[in-house]
C-alpha atoms as a PDB file:
ATOM      1  CA  UNK A   1     -30.969 -21.942 -29.411  1.00  0.00           C
ATOM      2  CA  UNK A   2     -28.433 -20.234 -31.695  1.00  0.00           C
ATOM      3  CA  UNK A   3     -28.488 -17.119 -29.494  1.00  0.00           C
ATOM      4  CA  UNK A   4     -27.748 -19.232 -26.422  1.00  0.00           C
ATOM      5  CA  UNK A   5     -24.834 -20.906 -28.174  1.00  0.00           C
ATOM      6  CA  UNK A   6     -23.426 -17.514 -29.176  1.00  0.00           C
ATOM      7  CA  UNK A   7     -23.744 -16.317 -25.577  1.00  0.00           C
ATOM      8  CA  UNK A   8     -21.982 -19.464 -24.351  1.00  0.00           C
ATOM      9  CA  UNK A   9     -19.165 -19.035 -26.904  1.00  0.00           C
ATOM     10  CA  UNK A  10     -18.755 -15.356 -25.969  1.00  0.00           C
ATOM     11  CA  UNK A  11     -18.520 -16.093 -22.233  1.00  0.00           C
ATOM     12  CA  UNK A  12     -16.066 -18.920 -22.916  1.00  0.00           C
ATOM     13  CA  UNK A  13     -13.879 -16.572 -24.970  1.00  0.00           C
ATOM     14  CA  UNK A  14     -13.888 -13.925 -22.204  1.00  0.00           C
ATOM     15  CA  UNK A  15     -13.017 -16.613 -19.645  1.00  0.00           C
ATOM     16  CA  UNK A  16     -10.060 -17.777 -21.724  1.00  0.00           C
ATOM     17  CA  UNK A  17      -8.945 -14.152 -22.205  1.00  0.00           C
ATOM     18  CA  UNK A  18      -8.947 -13.356 -18.476  1.00  0.00           C
ATOM     19  CA  UNK A  19      -7.259 -16.685 -17.748  1.00  0.00           C
ATOM     20  CA  UNK A  20      -4.475 -15.865 -20.223  1.00  0.00           C
ATOM     21  CA  UNK A  21      -4.013 -12.418 -18.678  1.00  0.00           C
ATOM     22  CA  UNK A  22      -3.811 -14.011 -15.217  1.00  0.00           C
ATOM     23  CA  UNK A  23      -1.284 -16.592 -16.384  1.00  0.00           C
ATOM     24  CA  UNK A  24       0.809 -13.920 -18.135  1.00  0.00           C
ATOM     25  CA  UNK A  25       0.891 -11.842 -14.961  1.00  0.00           C
ATOM     26  CA  UNK A  26       1.820 -14.879 -12.855  1.00  0.00           C
ATOM     27  CA  UNK A  27       4.613 -15.745 -15.306  1.00  0.00           C
ATOM     28  CA  UNK A  28       5.912 -12.169 -15.220  1.00  0.00           C
ATOM     29  CA  UNK A  29       5.744 -12.177 -11.427  1.00  0.00           C
ATOM     30  CA  UNK A  30       7.687 -15.443 -11.147  1.00  0.00           C
ATOM     31  CA  UNK A  31      10.245 -14.116 -13.623  1.00  0.00           C
ATOM     32  CA  UNK A  32      10.714 -10.953 -11.583  1.00  0.00           C
ATOM     33  CA  UNK A  33      10.557 -12.762  -8.231  1.00  0.00           C
ATOM     34  CA  UNK A  34      11.775 -16.383  -8.701  1.00  0.00           C
ATOM     35  CA  UNK A  35       9.862 -17.788  -5.737  1.00  0.00           C
ATOM     36  CA  UNK A  36      10.218 -21.360  -6.987  1.00  0.00           C
ATOM     37  CA  UNK A  37      14.008 -21.134  -6.769  1.00  0.00           C
ATOM     38  CA  UNK A  38      14.144 -19.301  -3.442  1.00  0.00           C
ATOM     39  CA  UNK A  39      15.817 -21.078  -0.554  1.00  0.00           C
ATOM     40  CA  UNK A  40      16.112 -20.031   3.064  1.00  0.00           C
ATOM     41  CA  UNK A  41      19.252 -18.004   3.710  1.00  0.00           C
ATOM     42  CA  UNK A  42      20.882 -16.207   6.615  1.00  0.00           C
ATOM     43  CA  UNK A  43      23.206 -13.277   5.963  1.00  0.00           C
ATOM     44  CA  UNK A  44      24.970 -10.692   8.115  1.00  0.00           C
ATOM     45  CA  UNK A  45      23.824  -7.101   8.570  1.00  0.00           C
ATOM     46  CA  UNK A  46      26.174  -4.241   7.680  1.00  0.00           C
ATOM     47  CA  UNK A  47      24.150  -1.111   8.428  1.00  0.00           C
ATOM     48  CA  UNK A  48      20.561  -0.122   9.024  1.00  0.00           C
ATOM     49  CA  UNK A  49      18.573   2.964   8.138  1.00  0.00           C
ATOM     50  CA  UNK A  50      15.068   4.363   7.995  1.00  0.00           C
ATOM     51  CA  UNK A  51      13.218   6.228   5.266  1.00  0.00           C
ATOM     52  CA  UNK A  52      10.664   8.866   6.255  1.00  0.00           C
ATOM     53  CA  UNK A  53       8.217  10.210   3.684  1.00  0.00           C
ATOM     54  CA  UNK A  54       6.370  13.505   3.714  1.00  0.00           C
ATOM     55  CA  UNK A  55       3.024  11.935   4.629  1.00  0.00           C
ATOM     56  CA  UNK A  56       3.669   8.490   6.111  1.00  0.00           C
ATOM     57  CA  UNK A  57       5.522   6.874   9.040  1.00  0.00           C
ATOM     58  CA  UNK A  58       9.031   5.545   8.402  1.00  0.00           C
ATOM     59  CA  UNK A  59      10.023   2.353   6.588  1.00  0.00           C
ATOM     60  CA  UNK A  60      13.090   0.415   7.694  1.00  0.00           C
ATOM     61  CA  UNK A  61      15.994  -1.079   5.738  1.00  0.00           C
ATOM     62  CA  UNK A  62      19.220  -3.007   6.279  1.00  0.00           C
ATOM     63  CA  UNK A  63      22.260  -3.533   4.072  1.00  0.00           C
ATOM     64  CA  UNK A  64      23.636  -7.058   4.253  1.00  0.00           C
ATOM     65  CA  UNK A  65      26.573  -9.179   3.192  1.00  0.00           C
ATOM     66  CA  UNK A  66      25.326 -11.452   0.381  1.00  0.00           C
ATOM     67  CA  UNK A  67      25.879 -15.242   0.384  1.00  0.00           C
ATOM     68  CA  UNK A  68      28.874 -14.712  -1.935  1.00  0.00           C
ATOM     69  CA  UNK A  69      30.550 -12.606   0.761  1.00  0.00           C
ATOM     70  CA  UNK A  70      30.122  -9.257  -1.013  1.00  0.00           C
ATOM     71  CA  UNK A  71      28.226  -6.293   0.386  1.00  0.00           C
ATOM     72  CA  UNK A  72      24.809  -5.855  -1.240  1.00  0.00           C
ATOM     73  CA  UNK A  73      24.472  -2.774  -3.479  1.00  0.00           C
ATOM     74  CA  UNK A  74      20.848  -2.403  -2.365  1.00  0.00           C
ATOM     75  CA  UNK A  75      18.929  -2.213   0.914  1.00  0.00           C
ATOM     76  CA  UNK A  76      16.470  -4.833   2.189  1.00  0.00           C
ATOM     77  CA  UNK A  77      13.239  -4.088   3.977  1.00  0.00           C
ATOM     78  CA  UNK A  78      12.934  -5.066   7.638  1.00  0.00           C
ATOM     79  CA  UNK A  79      10.436  -4.532  10.448  1.00  0.00           C
ATOM     80  CA  UNK A  80      10.424  -1.849  13.129  1.00  0.00           C
ATOM     81  CA  UNK A  81      11.336  -4.484  15.724  1.00  0.00           C
ATOM     82  CA  UNK A  82      14.302  -5.648  13.669  1.00  0.00           C
ATOM     83  CA  UNK A  83      15.684  -2.145  13.102  1.00  0.00           C
ATOM     84  CA  UNK A  84      15.638  -1.475  16.840  1.00  0.00           C
ATOM     85  CA  UNK A  85      17.422  -4.751  17.676  1.00  0.00           C
ATOM     86  CA  UNK A  86      19.865  -5.299  14.802  1.00  0.00           C
ATOM     87  CA  UNK A  87      23.544  -4.461  15.153  1.00  0.00           C
ATOM     88  CA  UNK A  88      26.301  -4.748  12.518  1.00  0.00           C
ATOM     89  CA  UNK A  89      27.231  -8.409  12.149  1.00  0.00           C
ATOM     90  CA  UNK A  90      23.881  -9.733  13.404  1.00  0.00           C
ATOM     91  CA  UNK A  91      22.172 -12.435  11.288  1.00  0.00           C
ATOM     92  CA  UNK A  92      19.270 -11.514   9.000  1.00  0.00           C
ATOM     93  CA  UNK A  93      16.974 -14.285   7.788  1.00  0.00           C
ATOM     94  CA  UNK A  94      15.446 -14.259   4.330  1.00  0.00           C
ATOM     95  CA  UNK A  95      15.499 -16.009   0.973  1.00  0.00           C
ATOM     96  CA  UNK A  96      18.033 -16.309  -1.804  1.00  0.00           C
ATOM     97  CA  UNK A  97      17.903 -17.600  -5.390  1.00  0.00           C
ATOM     98  CA  UNK A  98      21.687 -17.410  -5.843  1.00  0.00           C
ATOM     99  CA  UNK A  99      24.927 -16.286  -4.207  1.00  0.00           C
ATOM    100  CA  UNK A 100      24.476 -12.683  -5.377  1.00  0.00           C
ATOM    101  CA  UNK A 101      20.819 -12.338  -4.388  1.00  0.00           C
ATOM    102  CA  UNK A 102      18.973 -11.925  -1.097  1.00  0.00           C
ATOM    103  CA  UNK A 103      15.424 -10.820  -0.193  1.00  0.00           C
ATOM    104  CA  UNK A 104      13.541 -10.560   3.071  1.00  0.00           C
ATOM    105  CA  UNK A 105       9.900 -11.584   3.320  1.00  0.00           C
ATOM    106  CA  UNK A 106       8.980  -7.876   3.367  1.00  0.00           C
ATOM    107  CA  UNK A 107      10.848  -7.331   0.088  1.00  0.00           C
ATOM    108  CA  UNK A 108       8.878 -10.118  -1.553  1.00  0.00           C
ATOM    109  CA  UNK A 109       5.464  -8.982  -0.305  1.00  0.00           C
ATOM    110  CA  UNK A 110       5.701  -5.176  -0.378  1.00  0.00           C
ATOM    111  CA  UNK A 111       7.697  -4.772  -3.606  1.00  0.00           C
ATOM    112  CA  UNK A 112       5.375  -7.153  -5.452  1.00  0.00           C
ATOM    113  CA  UNK A 113       2.093  -5.903  -3.975  1.00  0.00           C
ATOM    114  CA  UNK A 114       0.823  -4.566  -7.328  1.00  0.00           C
ATOM    115  CA  UNK A 115       1.594  -7.902  -8.963  1.00  0.00           C
ATOM    116  CA  UNK A 116      -0.335  -9.714  -6.242  1.00  0.00           C
ATOM    117  CA  UNK A 117      -3.308  -7.335  -6.490  1.00  0.00           C
ATOM    118  CA  UNK A 118      -3.378  -7.715 -10.283  1.00  0.00           C
ATOM    119  CA  UNK A 119      -3.208 -11.519 -10.061  1.00  0.00           C
ATOM    120  CA  UNK A 120      -6.024 -11.601  -7.491  1.00  0.00           C
ATOM    121  CA  UNK A 121      -8.267  -9.247  -9.481  1.00  0.00           C
ATOM    122  CA  UNK A 122      -7.727 -10.961 -12.846  1.00  0.00           C
ATOM    123  CA  UNK A 123      -7.996 -14.396 -11.243  1.00  0.00           C
ATOM    124  CA  UNK A 124     -11.286 -13.417  -9.587  1.00  0.00           C
ATOM    125  CA  UNK A 125     -12.667 -12.098 -12.893  1.00  0.00           C
ATOM    126  CA  UNK A 126     -11.593 -15.308 -14.644  1.00  0.00           C
ATOM    127  CA  UNK A 127     -13.350 -17.379 -11.970  1.00  0.00           C
ATOM    128  CA  UNK A 128     -16.538 -15.305 -12.239  1.00  0.00           C
ATOM    129  CA  UNK A 129     -16.512 -15.644 -16.036  1.00  0.00           C
ATOM    130  CA  UNK A 130     -15.972 -19.400 -15.701  1.00  0.00           C
ATOM    131  CA  UNK A 131     -19.004 -19.707 -13.442  1.00  0.00           C
ATOM    132  CA  UNK A 132     -21.051 -17.521 -15.812  1.00  0.00           C
ATOM    133  CA  UNK A 133     -19.927 -19.676 -18.754  1.00  0.00           C
ATOM    134  CA  UNK A 134     -20.942 -22.823 -16.917  1.00  0.00           C
ATOM    135  CA  UNK A 135     -24.368 -21.380 -16.076  1.00  0.00           C
ATOM    136  CA  UNK A 136     -24.900 -20.187 -19.661  1.00  0.00           C
ATOM    137  CA  UNK A 137     -25.054 -23.783 -20.925  1.00  0.00           C
ATOM    138  CA  UNK A 138     -28.636 -23.951 -22.308  1.00  0.00           C
ATOM    139  CA  UNK A 139     -29.829 -26.881 -20.185  1.00  0.00           C
ATOM    140  CA  UNK A 140     -28.302 -25.570 -16.971  1.00  0.00           C
ATOM    141  CA  UNK A 141     -29.534 -22.051 -17.663  1.00  0.00           C
ATOM    142  CA  UNK A 142     -33.147 -23.248 -17.914  1.00  0.00           C
ATOM    143  CA  UNK A 143     -32.769 -25.160 -14.653  1.00  0.00           C
ATOM    144  CA  UNK A 144     -31.251 -22.095 -12.965  1.00  0.00           C
ATOM    145  CA  UNK A 145     -33.999 -19.808 -14.280  1.00  0.00           C
ATOM    146  CA  UNK A 146     -36.706 -22.212 -13.070  1.00  0.00           C
ATOM    147  CA  UNK A 147     -35.164 -22.578  -9.605  1.00  0.00           C
ATOM    148  CA  UNK A 148     -34.475 -18.832  -9.531  1.00  0.00           C
ATOM    149  CA  UNK A 149     -38.122 -18.010 -10.250  1.00  0.00           C
ATOM    150  CA  UNK A 150     -39.207 -20.347  -7.474  1.00  0.00           C
ATOM    151  CA  UNK A 151     -36.816 -18.749  -4.992  1.00  0.00           C
ATOM    152  CA  UNK A 152     -37.933 -15.258  -6.041  1.00  0.00           C
ATOM    153  CA  UNK A 153     -41.608 -16.131  -5.628  1.00  0.00           C
ATOM    154  CA  UNK A 154     -40.974 -17.585  -2.195  1.00  0.00           C
ATOM    155  CA  UNK A 155     -39.052 -14.489  -1.158  1.00  0.00           C
ATOM    156  CA  UNK A 156     -41.773 -12.185  -2.470  1.00  0.00           C
ATOM    157  CA  UNK A 157     -44.416 -14.085  -0.510  1.00  0.00           C
ATOM    158  CA  UNK A 158     -42.363 -13.809   2.667  1.00  0.00           C
ATOM    159  CA  UNK A 159     -41.233 -10.247   2.141  1.00  0.00           C
ATOM    160  CA  UNK A 160     -43.408  -7.211   1.477  1.00  0.00           C
ATOM    161  CA  UNK A 161     -42.514  -4.296  -0.781  1.00  0.00           C
ATOM    162  CA  UNK A 162     -41.364  -2.142   2.119  1.00  0.00           C
ATOM    163  CA  UNK A 163     -39.105  -4.888   3.422  1.00  0.00           C
ATOM    164  CA  UNK A 164     -37.544  -5.356  -0.016  1.00  0.00           C
ATOM    165  CA  UNK A 165     -36.849  -1.648  -0.198  1.00  0.00           C
ATOM    166  CA  UNK A 166     -35.195  -1.723   3.240  1.00  0.00           C
ATOM    167  CA  UNK A 167     -33.080  -4.701   2.188  1.00  0.00           C
ATOM    168  CA  UNK A 168     -31.877  -2.882  -0.930  1.00  0.00           C
ATOM    169  CA  UNK A 169     -30.974   0.210   1.102  1.00  0.00           C
ATOM    170  CA  UNK A 170     -29.106  -1.915   3.651  1.00  0.00           C
ATOM    171  CA  UNK A 171     -27.206  -3.698   0.878  1.00  0.00           C
ATOM    172  CA  UNK A 172     -26.252  -0.347  -0.640  1.00  0.00           C
ATOM    173  CA  UNK A 173     -24.957   0.981   2.673  1.00  0.00           C
ATOM    174  CA  UNK A 174     -23.095  -2.286   3.245  1.00  0.00           C
ATOM    175  CA  UNK A 175     -21.237  -1.923  -0.060  1.00  0.00           C
ATOM    176  CA  UNK A 176     -20.502   1.731   0.699  1.00  0.00           C
ATOM    177  CA  UNK A 177     -19.214   0.697   4.138  1.00  0.00           C
ATOM    178  CA  UNK A 178     -16.771  -1.768   2.582  1.00  0.00           C
ATOM    179  CA  UNK A 179     -15.374   0.968   0.324  1.00  0.00           C
ATOM    180  CA  UNK A 180     -15.068   3.372   3.271  1.00  0.00           C
ATOM    181  CA  UNK A 181     -13.217   0.688   5.258  1.00  0.00           C
ATOM    182  CA  UNK A 182     -10.753   0.206   2.388  1.00  0.00           C
ATOM    183  CA  UNK A 183     -10.298   3.984   1.988  1.00  0.00           C
ATOM    184  CA  UNK A 184      -9.619   4.444   5.706  1.00  0.00           C
ATOM    185  CA  UNK A 185      -7.151   1.545   5.680  1.00  0.00           C
ATOM    186  CA  UNK A 186      -5.243   3.277   2.861  1.00  0.00           C
ATOM    187  CA  UNK A 187      -5.255   6.658   4.607  1.00  0.00           C
ATOM    188  CA  UNK A 188      -4.536   5.334   8.117  1.00  0.00           C
ATOM    189  CA  UNK A 189      -0.757   5.799   7.767  1.00  0.00           C
ATOM    190  CA  UNK A 190      -1.304   9.371   6.571  1.00  0.00           C
ATOM    191  CA  UNK A 191      -3.569  10.163   9.549  1.00  0.00           C
ATOM    192  CA  UNK A 192      -1.186   8.557  12.046  1.00  0.00           C
ATOM    193  CA  UNK A 193       1.756  10.541  10.677  1.00  0.00           C
ATOM    194  CA  UNK A 194      -0.240  13.800  10.692  1.00  0.00           C
ATOM    195  CA  UNK A 195      -1.328  13.331  14.300  1.00  0.00           C
ATOM    196  CA  UNK A 196       2.249  12.567  15.385  1.00  0.00           C
ATOM    197  CA  UNK A 197       3.551  15.669  13.635  1.00  0.00           C
ATOM    198  CA  UNK A 198       0.949  17.923  15.250  1.00  0.00           C
ATOM    199  CA  UNK A 199       1.329  16.565  18.779  1.00  0.00           C
ATOM    200  CA  UNK A 200       3.540  18.992  20.765  1.00  0.00           C
ATOM    201  CA  UNK A 201       4.836  16.392  23.236  1.00  0.00           C
ATOM    202  CA  UNK A 202       6.725  13.092  23.087  1.00  0.00           C
ATOM    203  CA  UNK A 203       9.381  14.497  20.723  1.00  0.00           C
ATOM    204  CA  UNK A 204      12.973  15.671  21.067  1.00  0.00           C
ATOM    205  CA  UNK A 205      14.481  18.520  19.054  1.00  0.00           C
ATOM    206  CA  UNK A 206      17.982  18.240  17.615  1.00  0.00           C
ATOM    207  CA  UNK A 207      20.045  18.895  14.492  1.00  0.00           C
ATOM    208  CA  UNK A 208      20.957  16.232  11.932  1.00  0.00           C
ATOM    209  CA  UNK A 209      24.008  16.279   9.665  1.00  0.00           C
ATOM    210  CA  UNK A 210      23.187  16.072   5.957  1.00  0.00           C
ATOM    211  CA  UNK A 211      25.749  13.735   4.373  1.00  0.00           C
ATOM    212  CA  UNK A 212      23.956  12.925   1.110  1.00  0.00           C
ATOM    213  CA  UNK A 213      21.290  14.492  -1.096  1.00  0.00           C
ATOM    214  CA  UNK A 214      19.065  13.243  -3.912  1.00  0.00           C
ATOM    215  CA  UNK A 215      16.481  14.853  -6.161  1.00  0.00           C
ATOM    216  CA  UNK A 216      14.327  13.628  -9.014  1.00  0.00           C
ATOM    217  CA  UNK A 217      12.359  16.310 -10.841  1.00  0.00           C
ATOM    218  CA  UNK A 218       9.497  15.169 -13.035  1.00  0.00           C
ATOM    219  CA  UNK A 219       6.839  17.059 -14.982  1.00  0.00           C
ATOM    220  CA  UNK A 220       4.517  14.104 -15.471  1.00  0.00           C
ATOM    221  CA  UNK A 221       0.954  14.877 -14.507  1.00  0.00           C
ATOM    222  CA  UNK A 222       0.427  12.090 -11.958  1.00  0.00           C
ATOM    223  CA  UNK A 223       3.988  11.733 -10.633  1.00  0.00           C
ATOM    224  CA  UNK A 224       5.553  13.749  -7.842  1.00  0.00           C
ATOM    225  CA  UNK A 225       9.097  15.060  -7.834  1.00  0.00           C
ATOM    226  CA  UNK A 226      11.285  13.674  -5.052  1.00  0.00           C
ATOM    227  CA  UNK A 227      13.704  15.550  -2.798  1.00  0.00           C
ATOM    228  CA  UNK A 228      15.662  13.668  -0.133  1.00  0.00           C
ATOM    229  CA  UNK A 229      18.290  14.282   2.508  1.00  0.00           C
ATOM    230  CA  UNK A 230      20.265  11.437   4.043  1.00  0.00           C
ATOM    231  CA  UNK A 231      20.969  12.523   7.603  1.00  0.00           C
ATOM    232  CA  UNK A 232      22.676  11.264  10.746  1.00  0.00           C
ATOM    233  CA  UNK A 233      22.220  12.327  14.373  1.00  0.00           C
ATOM    234  CA  UNK A 234      22.514  10.988  17.896  1.00  0.00           C
ATOM    235  CA  UNK A 235      19.362  10.190  19.829  1.00  0.00           C
ATOM    236  CA  UNK A 236      18.888  10.687  23.567  1.00  0.00           C
ATOM    237  CA  UNK A 237      20.376   7.228  24.222  1.00  0.00           C
ATOM    238  CA  UNK A 238      23.602   8.172  22.421  1.00  0.00           C
ATOM    239  CA  UNK A 239      22.910   5.896  19.451  1.00  0.00           C
ATOM    240  CA  UNK A 240      23.739   7.140  15.934  1.00  0.00           C
ATOM    241  CA  UNK A 241      20.608   7.164  13.786  1.00  0.00           C
ATOM    242  CA  UNK A 242      20.829   7.257   9.978  1.00  0.00           C
ATOM    243  CA  UNK A 243      17.741   8.035   7.938  1.00  0.00           C
ATOM    244  CA  UNK A 244      16.554   9.254   4.564  1.00  0.00           C
ATOM    245  CA  UNK A 245      14.089  12.137   4.917  1.00  0.00           C
ATOM    246  CA  UNK A 246      11.814  13.263   2.114  1.00  0.00           C
ATOM    247  CA  UNK A 247      11.433  17.054   2.085  1.00  0.00           C
ATOM    248  CA  UNK A 248       9.728  19.719   0.006  1.00  0.00           C
ATOM    249  CA  UNK A 249      11.486  21.530  -2.824  1.00  0.00           C
ATOM    250  CA  UNK A 250      11.661  24.698  -0.704  1.00  0.00           C
ATOM    251  CA  UNK A 251      13.434  22.900   2.167  1.00  0.00           C
ATOM    252  CA  UNK A 252      15.747  21.081  -0.265  1.00  0.00           C
ATOM    253  CA  UNK A 253      16.902  24.420  -1.705  1.00  0.00           C
ATOM    254  CA  UNK A 254      17.675  25.842   1.756  1.00  0.00           C
ATOM    255  CA  UNK A 255      20.272  23.224   2.757  1.00  0.00           C
ATOM    256  CA  UNK A 256      23.202  21.346   1.237  1.00  0.00           C
ATOM    257  CA  UNK A 257      25.866  18.738   1.999  1.00  0.00           C
ATOM    258  CA  UNK A 258      27.423  19.227   5.428  1.00  0.00           C
ATOM    259  CA  UNK A 259      24.635  21.494   6.714  1.00  0.00           C
ATOM    260  CA  UNK A 260      22.723  20.864   9.916  1.00  0.00           C
ATOM    261  CA  UNK A 261      19.015  20.166   9.389  1.00  0.00           C
ATOM    262  CA  UNK A 262      16.775  21.175  12.326  1.00  0.00           C
ATOM    263  CA  UNK A 263      14.586  18.179  13.144  1.00  0.00           C
ATOM    264  CA  UNK A 264      12.516  16.629  15.884  1.00  0.00           C
ATOM    265  CA  UNK A 265      12.094  12.907  16.413  1.00  0.00           C
ATOM    266  CA  UNK A 266       9.639  10.841  18.406  1.00  0.00           C
ATOM    267  CA  UNK A 267      11.101   9.564  21.657  1.00  0.00           C
ATOM    268  CA  UNK A 268       9.393   6.216  21.037  1.00  0.00           C
ATOM    269  CA  UNK A 269      10.982   5.903  17.570  1.00  0.00           C
ATOM    270  CA  UNK A 270      14.012   8.027  16.580  1.00  0.00           C
ATOM    271  CA  UNK A 271      13.556   7.086  12.891  1.00  0.00           C
ATOM    272  CA  UNK A 272      10.223   8.956  12.899  1.00  0.00           C
ATOM    273  CA  UNK A 273      11.672  12.401  12.191  1.00  0.00           C
ATOM    274  CA  UNK A 274      10.080  15.724  11.247  1.00  0.00           C
ATOM    275  CA  UNK A 275      11.716  18.851   9.842  1.00  0.00           C
ATOM    276  CA  UNK A 276      11.274  21.831  12.136  1.00  0.00           C
ATOM    277  CA  UNK A 277      10.440  25.306  10.911  1.00  0.00           C
ATOM    278  CA  UNK A 278       7.781  24.367   8.354  1.00  0.00           C
ATOM    279  CA  UNK A 279       6.809  27.443   6.332  1.00  0.00           C
ATOM    280  CA  UNK A 280       3.678  28.353   4.378  1.00  0.00           C
ATOM    281  CA  UNK A 281       5.600  27.630   1.190  1.00  0.00           C
ATOM    282  CA  UNK A 282       6.411  24.116   2.447  1.00  0.00           C
ATOM    283  CA  UNK A 283       2.739  23.508   3.196  1.00  0.00           C
ATOM    284  CA  UNK A 284       1.668  24.725  -0.248  1.00  0.00           C
ATOM    285  CA  UNK A 285       4.209  22.548  -2.034  1.00  0.00           C
ATOM    286  CA  UNK A 286       3.187  19.517   0.023  1.00  0.00           C
ATOM    287  CA  UNK A 287      -0.534  19.970  -0.649  1.00  0.00           C
ATOM    288  CA  UNK A 288      -0.188  20.200  -4.438  1.00  0.00           C
ATOM    289  CA  UNK A 289       1.351  16.727  -4.705  1.00  0.00           C
ATOM    290  CA  UNK A 290      -0.529  13.767  -6.188  1.00  0.00           C
ATOM    291  CA  UNK A 291       0.030  11.770  -2.997  1.00  0.00           C
ATOM    292  CA  UNK A 292      -1.640  14.389  -0.811  1.00  0.00           C
ATOM    293  CA  UNK A 293      -4.525  14.751  -3.284  1.00  0.00           C
ATOM    294  CA  UNK A 294      -5.119  10.982  -3.139  1.00  0.00           C
ATOM    295  CA  UNK A 295      -5.313  10.942   0.659  1.00  0.00           C
ATOM    296  CA  UNK A 296      -7.504  14.057   0.735  1.00  0.00           C
ATOM    297  CA  UNK A 297      -9.911  12.638  -1.883  1.00  0.00           C
ATOM    298  CA  UNK A 298     -10.271   9.308  -0.044  1.00  0.00           C
ATOM    299  CA  UNK A 299     -10.905  11.072   3.268  1.00  0.00           C
ATOM    300  CA  UNK A 300     -13.437  13.441   1.657  1.00  0.00           C
ATOM    301  CA  UNK A 301     -15.366  10.547   0.114  1.00  0.00           C
ATOM    302  CA  UNK A 302     -15.322   8.650   3.428  1.00  0.00           C
ATOM    303  CA  UNK A 303     -16.564  11.708   5.326  1.00  0.00           C
ATOM    304  CA  UNK A 304     -19.370  12.292   2.804  1.00  0.00           C
ATOM    305  CA  UNK A 305     -20.528   8.662   2.968  1.00  0.00           C
ATOM    306  CA  UNK A 306     -20.465   8.801   6.772  1.00  0.00           C
ATOM    307  CA  UNK A 307     -22.477  12.031   6.814  1.00  0.00           C
ATOM    308  CA  UNK A 308     -25.008  10.639   4.313  1.00  0.00           C
ATOM    309  CA  UNK A 309     -25.424   7.457   6.374  1.00  0.00           C
ATOM    310  CA  UNK A 310     -26.095   9.264   9.663  1.00  0.00           C
ATOM    311  CA  UNK A 311     -28.343  11.780   7.896  1.00  0.00           C
ATOM    312  CA  UNK A 312     -30.476   8.960   6.464  1.00  0.00           C
ATOM    313  CA  UNK A 313     -30.691   7.377   9.922  1.00  0.00           C
ATOM    314  CA  UNK A 314     -31.889  10.650  11.409  1.00  0.00           C
ATOM    315  CA  UNK A 315     -34.550  11.060   8.713  1.00  0.00           C
ATOM    316  CA  UNK A 316     -35.898   7.548   9.310  1.00  0.00           C
ATOM    317  CA  UNK A 317     -36.289   8.380  12.989  1.00  0.00           C
END
């Protein structure tokens, strides 16, 4: 009996611990993003731009006039549809917690995604521990064990050893399939961008004026240095397109303010730009980044699981 009480106390303590962690993260999230004080707001757009990474399709941003009438010192995230339709002076809907603050729904969701993941994970663990604590109550545990034995006996009578083995294998492949699905969802943007870069058609070549540069060099093990050009060019429709393009260190060293950067852009989306004249050195510098290693590792694991699954199916046949 004493052992059961100790187990119950231990599970209760773990439940309280995870609950406190969840609450602390929620409090920090609400402090960083005051959702409770947000109110619907409509502001005016000033300028729009895109940001194109080395390995992913572009993201889209707009600078707005804040509710206090001043121009925002930061950019807000918007959708691809919005960036193609917005013009200076057009209204942008979002949320504001004060006259000097404005956020779009994409700002709130994307910028706080790690908060939301952490809250969901810790909340799920707290819930699981709560259920385990409830079931570890001595009286309930005996009832659960008794009913569990009955269910197990019934299953064993209905299911032979070979069937149980097949069920375990199927469960294992099901879990592996879920992980592969998540991995492919993470790498989908990388694969889409790679395919668009390699396709020889559907793109227009031009030169973009570099009117701003930015670099951040880091020597941390799991952090990549950043090199960016802010460029402007006219698309085939005569519209001026402004975008921030991430480049390799080699490309960054070849150009400066006022230079013309040779690019190509997708006809379907002029913000989806690629630097022309990629060299072997550019490829090497791109492949030794932590971001590329992450995508490559996830794809390698997914490919191995897929090969193992089809190989096991062939052997059973």
